[in-house]
Protein backbone atom coordinates (compact mmCIF):
# COMPACT_ATOMS: atom_id res chain seq x y z
CA MET A 1 -83.41 30.58 79.34
CA ILE A 2 -83.42 26.83 79.49
CA LYS A 3 -83.42 24.67 82.61
CA SER A 4 -82.13 21.16 83.11
CA MET A 5 -84.49 18.42 84.26
CA THR A 6 -81.66 17.19 86.48
CA GLY A 7 -81.75 18.99 89.81
CA TYR A 8 -80.99 18.71 93.50
CA GLY A 9 -81.94 20.85 96.47
CA LYS A 10 -81.71 20.35 100.23
CA SER A 11 -82.65 22.43 103.23
CA VAL A 12 -82.67 21.78 106.99
CA GLY A 13 -84.89 23.33 109.65
CA GLU A 14 -85.37 22.73 113.37
CA TYR A 15 -88.42 22.65 115.57
CA GLU A 16 -88.49 21.82 119.30
CA GLY A 17 -85.38 19.68 119.25
CA ARG A 18 -86.21 17.92 115.97
CA LYS A 19 -84.15 18.41 112.84
CA ILE A 20 -86.33 18.51 109.71
CA ALA A 21 -84.47 17.81 106.45
CA VAL A 22 -86.09 18.27 103.03
CA GLU A 23 -84.54 16.92 99.81
CA VAL A 24 -85.72 17.35 96.22
CA LYS A 25 -83.91 15.59 93.39
CA SER A 26 -84.87 14.84 89.80
CA LEU A 27 -83.71 13.12 86.63
CA ASN A 28 -84.98 13.46 83.08
CA SER A 29 -88.29 11.91 82.08
CA LYS A 30 -90.86 12.58 79.36
CA GLN A 31 -93.60 13.17 81.94
CA LEU A 32 -93.81 14.03 85.63
CA ASP A 33 -93.03 11.00 87.80
CA LEU A 34 -93.26 12.16 91.42
CA LEU A 35 -92.31 10.02 94.42
CA THR A 36 -92.84 11.43 97.92
CA ARG A 37 -91.47 10.08 101.20
CA ILE A 38 -92.80 11.98 104.21
CA PRO A 39 -93.44 11.13 107.88
CA ALA A 40 -96.94 10.05 108.90
CA VAL A 41 -97.50 13.24 110.90
CA TYR A 42 -97.31 15.30 107.65
CA LYS A 43 -99.47 12.95 105.55
CA GLU A 44 -102.46 15.29 105.73
CA LYS A 45 -100.43 17.82 103.72
CA GLU A 46 -99.27 15.37 101.05
CA MET A 47 -101.81 16.22 98.33
CA ALA A 48 -101.17 19.94 98.65
CA LEU A 49 -97.42 19.25 98.52
CA ARG A 50 -97.76 17.11 95.40
CA ASN A 51 -99.78 19.81 93.64
CA GLU A 52 -97.22 22.47 94.55
CA LEU A 53 -94.31 20.30 93.39
CA ALA A 54 -96.08 19.45 90.12
CA GLN A 55 -96.35 23.15 89.28
CA VAL A 56 -92.72 23.87 90.15
CA VAL A 57 -91.09 20.76 88.70
CA GLU A 58 -93.27 20.39 85.55
CA ARG A 59 -91.41 17.36 84.16
CA GLY A 60 -88.91 14.80 85.35
CA LYS A 61 -88.52 11.77 87.59
CA VAL A 62 -88.67 13.49 90.99
CA GLU A 63 -87.99 12.19 94.48
CA PHE A 64 -89.20 14.39 97.36
CA THR A 65 -88.20 13.41 100.90
CA ILE A 66 -88.90 14.85 104.35
CA SER A 67 -86.99 13.25 107.22
CA VAL A 68 -87.15 14.08 110.93
CA GLU A 69 -84.32 13.44 113.38
CA ASN A 70 -84.62 13.76 117.16
CA VAL A 71 -81.57 15.87 118.05
CA ALA A 72 -82.68 16.51 121.64
CA GLY A 73 -82.20 12.86 122.58
CA GLU A 74 -85.83 12.29 123.51
CA MET A 75 -87.20 8.79 123.32
CA ALA A 76 -89.30 8.26 120.22
CA LEU A 77 -90.72 5.09 121.77
CA LYS A 78 -92.53 4.89 125.10
CA LEU A 79 -92.96 1.84 127.32
CA ASN A 80 -96.56 0.69 127.42
CA THR A 81 -96.70 -0.03 131.16
CA THR A 82 -100.31 -1.18 131.02
CA VAL A 83 -99.45 -3.96 128.60
CA VAL A 84 -96.34 -4.97 130.59
CA GLU A 85 -98.33 -5.18 133.84
CA ALA A 86 -101.02 -7.28 132.17
CA TYR A 87 -98.43 -9.70 130.76
CA TYR A 88 -96.70 -9.92 134.16
CA LYS A 89 -99.97 -10.69 135.95
CA GLN A 90 -100.73 -13.46 133.48
CA VAL A 91 -97.24 -14.95 133.85
CA SER A 92 -97.47 -14.80 137.68
CA ASP A 93 -100.93 -16.40 137.70
CA LEU A 94 -99.76 -19.14 135.37
CA ALA A 95 -96.67 -19.83 137.52
CA GLN A 96 -98.83 -20.01 140.65
CA ARG A 97 -101.28 -22.47 139.06
CA LEU A 98 -98.44 -24.66 137.86
CA GLY A 99 -96.62 -24.44 141.21
CA VAL A 100 -93.42 -23.07 139.74
CA ASN A 101 -91.41 -19.94 140.41
CA PRO A 102 -91.56 -17.15 137.81
CA PRO A 103 -88.43 -17.02 135.64
CA SER A 104 -85.61 -14.84 136.96
CA ASP A 105 -85.27 -13.01 133.63
CA TRP A 106 -89.02 -12.35 133.36
CA LEU A 107 -88.54 -8.60 132.76
CA ASP A 108 -86.22 -9.17 129.81
CA THR A 109 -88.70 -11.68 128.40
CA LEU A 110 -91.63 -9.31 128.79
CA LEU A 111 -89.77 -6.50 127.02
CA ARG A 112 -89.36 -8.72 123.97
CA ILE A 113 -93.11 -9.22 123.62
CA PRO A 114 -94.77 -7.18 120.82
CA ASP A 115 -96.71 -4.05 121.74
CA VAL A 116 -94.84 -3.35 124.99
CA PHE A 117 -93.43 -0.24 123.30
CA LYS A 118 -95.65 2.34 121.70
CA THR A 119 -94.98 5.29 119.44
CA GLU A 120 -96.33 8.58 120.65
CA THR A 121 -98.83 9.97 118.20
CA GLN A 122 -97.99 13.58 117.45
CA GLU A 123 -100.48 16.14 116.24
CA LEU A 124 -99.30 18.57 113.59
CA ASN A 125 -99.63 22.16 114.73
CA ASP A 126 -99.41 25.40 112.78
CA ALA A 127 -96.07 26.44 114.26
CA GLU A 128 -94.38 23.21 113.26
CA TRP A 129 -95.89 23.26 109.77
CA ALA A 130 -94.69 26.85 109.31
CA VAL A 131 -91.12 25.63 109.93
CA VAL A 132 -91.61 22.68 107.59
CA SER A 133 -93.10 24.89 104.85
CA LYS A 134 -90.19 27.33 105.08
CA THR A 135 -87.73 24.44 104.85
CA ILE A 136 -89.57 23.03 101.81
CA GLN A 137 -89.48 26.41 100.05
CA SER A 138 -85.74 26.72 100.70
CA ALA A 139 -85.16 23.24 99.27
CA ILE A 140 -87.24 24.06 96.18
CA GLU A 141 -85.31 27.31 95.66
CA ALA A 142 -82.00 25.43 95.86
CA PHE A 143 -83.43 22.83 93.49
CA ASN A 144 -84.42 25.49 90.94
CA GLU A 145 -81.02 27.21 91.19
CA PHE A 146 -79.36 23.88 90.45
CA ARG A 147 -81.59 23.42 87.40
CA VAL A 148 -80.80 26.90 86.13
CA GLN A 149 -77.04 26.35 86.49
CA GLU A 150 -77.24 23.03 84.68
CA GLY A 151 -79.39 24.70 82.02
CA GLU A 152 -76.73 27.36 81.44
CA SER A 153 -74.15 24.63 80.86
CA LEU A 154 -76.47 22.94 78.36
CA ALA A 155 -77.12 26.25 76.61
CA CYS A 156 -73.38 26.86 76.17
CA MET A 157 -72.99 23.41 74.67
CA PHE A 158 -75.97 23.91 72.34
CA ARG A 159 -74.65 27.26 71.11
CA GLN A 160 -71.28 25.68 70.33
CA LYS A 161 -72.93 22.85 68.39
CA LEU A 162 -75.15 25.25 66.45
CA GLU A 163 -72.12 27.33 65.50
CA ASN A 164 -70.31 24.21 64.31
CA ILE A 165 -73.24 23.14 62.13
CA ALA A 166 -73.53 26.66 60.70
CA ARG A 167 -69.82 26.65 59.91
CA TYR A 168 -70.03 23.29 58.15
CA LEU A 169 -73.04 24.58 56.21
CA GLU A 170 -70.99 27.54 54.97
CA GLU A 171 -68.23 25.18 53.88
CA VAL A 172 -70.73 23.30 51.73
CA GLU A 173 -70.94 26.32 49.41
CA VAL A 174 -67.26 25.91 48.53
CA PHE A 175 -67.93 22.56 46.88
CA GLU A 176 -71.27 23.32 45.22
CA LYS A 177 -69.96 24.82 41.96
CA GLU A 178 -67.21 22.23 41.79
CA ARG A 179 -69.81 19.48 42.29
CA VAL A 180 -71.99 20.73 39.40
CA GLU A 181 -69.04 20.95 37.04
CA LYS A 182 -67.90 17.45 37.97
CA ILE A 183 -71.38 16.06 37.30
CA LYS A 184 -71.55 17.78 33.89
CA THR A 185 -68.09 16.53 32.94
CA ARG A 186 -68.81 12.99 34.03
CA LEU A 187 -72.08 12.81 32.07
CA ARG A 188 -70.45 14.21 28.91
CA GLU A 189 -67.57 11.77 29.17
CA ASN A 190 -69.96 8.87 29.61
CA LEU A 191 -71.93 9.92 26.52
CA GLU A 192 -68.80 10.39 24.43
CA SER A 193 -67.51 6.98 25.48
CA LEU A 194 -70.59 5.45 23.85
CA SER A 195 -69.48 6.85 20.45
CA VAL A 196 -73.02 7.82 19.42
CA ASP A 197 -74.48 11.04 18.16
CA TYR A 198 -76.70 12.97 20.54
CA ASN A 199 -78.60 16.23 20.51
CA LYS A 200 -76.49 18.67 22.48
CA ASP A 201 -79.41 21.04 23.11
CA ARG A 202 -81.51 18.19 24.48
CA PHE A 203 -78.56 17.07 26.56
CA GLU A 204 -78.26 20.55 28.08
CA GLN A 205 -81.99 20.56 28.93
CA GLU A 206 -81.84 17.15 30.60
CA LEU A 207 -78.69 18.19 32.42
CA ILE A 208 -80.45 21.26 33.82
CA PHE A 209 -83.33 19.10 35.09
CA TYR A 210 -80.88 16.69 36.67
CA ILE A 211 -78.87 19.45 38.33
CA GLU A 212 -82.06 21.03 39.70
CA LYS A 213 -82.91 17.77 41.44
CA LEU A 214 -79.53 17.89 43.16
CA ASP A 215 -79.87 21.54 44.16
CA VAL A 216 -79.56 21.97 47.93
CA SER A 217 -80.36 25.68 48.20
CA GLU A 218 -83.74 25.12 49.85
CA GLU A 219 -82.30 22.64 52.34
CA LYS A 220 -79.56 25.11 53.27
CA VAL A 221 -82.04 27.94 53.80
CA ARG A 222 -84.37 25.78 55.91
CA LEU A 223 -81.50 24.39 57.98
CA CYS A 224 -80.20 27.90 58.59
CA ASN A 225 -83.68 28.99 59.73
CA HIS A 226 -83.92 25.99 62.07
CA LEU A 227 -80.57 26.91 63.63
CA LYS A 228 -81.79 30.45 64.27
CA TYR A 229 -85.12 29.23 65.64
CA PHE A 230 -83.37 26.82 68.01
CA ALA A 231 -81.24 29.68 69.38
CA GLU A 232 -84.29 31.97 69.71
CA THR A 233 -86.23 29.27 71.58
CA MET A 234 -83.34 28.82 74.02
CA ALA A 235 -83.39 32.54 74.75
CA GLN A 236 -87.10 32.61 75.68
CA ASP A 237 -88.14 33.18 79.28
CA THR A 238 -89.61 29.68 79.67
CA SER A 239 -87.73 26.43 79.16
CA ASN A 240 -89.06 24.54 76.11
CA GLY A 241 -87.32 21.17 76.07
CA LYS A 242 -89.97 19.43 73.96
CA LYS A 243 -90.00 22.26 71.42
CA LEU A 244 -86.22 22.15 71.12
CA GLY A 245 -86.50 18.41 70.50
CA PHE A 246 -88.94 19.00 67.63
CA ILE A 247 -86.68 21.63 66.07
CA ALA A 248 -83.73 19.23 66.31
CA GLN A 249 -85.78 16.62 64.43
CA GLU A 250 -86.45 19.12 61.64
CA MET A 251 -82.75 19.98 61.50
CA GLY A 252 -82.04 16.27 61.09
CA ARG A 253 -84.42 16.00 58.12
CA GLU A 254 -82.71 18.85 56.28
CA ILE A 255 -79.24 17.46 56.97
CA ASN A 256 -80.29 14.00 55.75
CA THR A 257 -81.76 15.47 52.56
CA LEU A 258 -78.59 17.50 52.07
CA GLY A 259 -76.56 14.32 52.34
CA SER A 260 -78.71 12.37 49.88
CA LYS A 261 -78.46 15.18 47.31
CA SER A 262 -74.81 16.04 47.79
CA ASN A 263 -73.32 13.43 45.43
CA HIS A 264 -69.90 14.75 46.38
CA ALA A 265 -67.34 13.19 48.72
CA GLU A 266 -66.27 16.39 50.52
CA MET A 267 -69.86 17.54 50.95
CA GLN A 268 -70.82 14.18 52.39
CA ILE A 269 -67.98 14.46 54.90
CA LEU A 270 -69.39 17.81 56.01
CA VAL A 271 -72.85 16.24 56.27
CA VAL A 272 -71.43 13.50 58.53
CA LYS A 273 -69.85 16.17 60.74
CA MET A 274 -73.17 18.02 60.95
CA LYS A 275 -74.94 14.78 61.89
CA ASP A 276 -72.40 14.17 64.64
CA GLU A 277 -73.00 17.64 66.11
CA LEU A 278 -76.77 17.20 65.83
CA GLU A 279 -76.74 13.82 67.58
CA GLN A 280 -74.99 15.40 70.54
CA ILE A 281 -77.70 18.09 70.61
CA LYS A 282 -80.46 15.46 70.46
CA GLU A 283 -78.85 13.48 73.26
CA GLN A 284 -78.62 16.47 75.60
CA VAL A 285 -81.93 18.07 74.68
CA LEU A 286 -83.59 15.15 76.46
CA ASN A 287 -82.29 16.70 79.70
CA VAL A 288 -83.93 20.07 79.03
CA LEU A 289 -87.07 20.90 80.98
């Protein structure tokens, strides 16, 4: 069973009036490229989270996000009254020394000064982290389900392409005997056009050597084995994207050799069709985990 490297999962939990949303999304990449965005209160758990995600995700360009929204309408910022009072005292003292009245909009001015608002520092407790952990697990499960579904779509496409290549490979056999006869006829006609005597036995020997060099039986057998191995690898319990990529490369070598040896227009057309199917496999196998 293959999985796609492309995935998306989201889950939402709630704790004491705060909505906690977790998102996991990934695209294809040769290695694991993990980006995490989490609130400061959960930073102490970041390394453990990264290790857990690395084991689950394995490969891909992954973005992991935890966001917290205050649904109870509580103020996230608190007025730092100590700072405001200190600023006000300084402004009043300065106005008195200068012999002027304090400005009428002094409160509005003071509220614009930095540090008059402070963010309450929250301590992470076990109950809250239990909710967050459950939400993370739900998001990861949704993420994996998405990958499996995408993997099934890729597997269907791969099976179709493998069947097409196998069918084209069978059609090659139709032209093999015809190709050999055409080569023999062409060589004889070329020799006869020279109007010279030649040793027919020697000609037959050289012709056999030449035909053997153009024989594609081994390439056909190896390509057929690669097709079977690709299908078997897809059916394994673990997803083997890199392995499938290597098998596709080997398939390409056999198809290229088949094309260079074909020396026949119809066979070369079939080779081009096989290359087209294989390129689509190579393109999509990059998305396999």
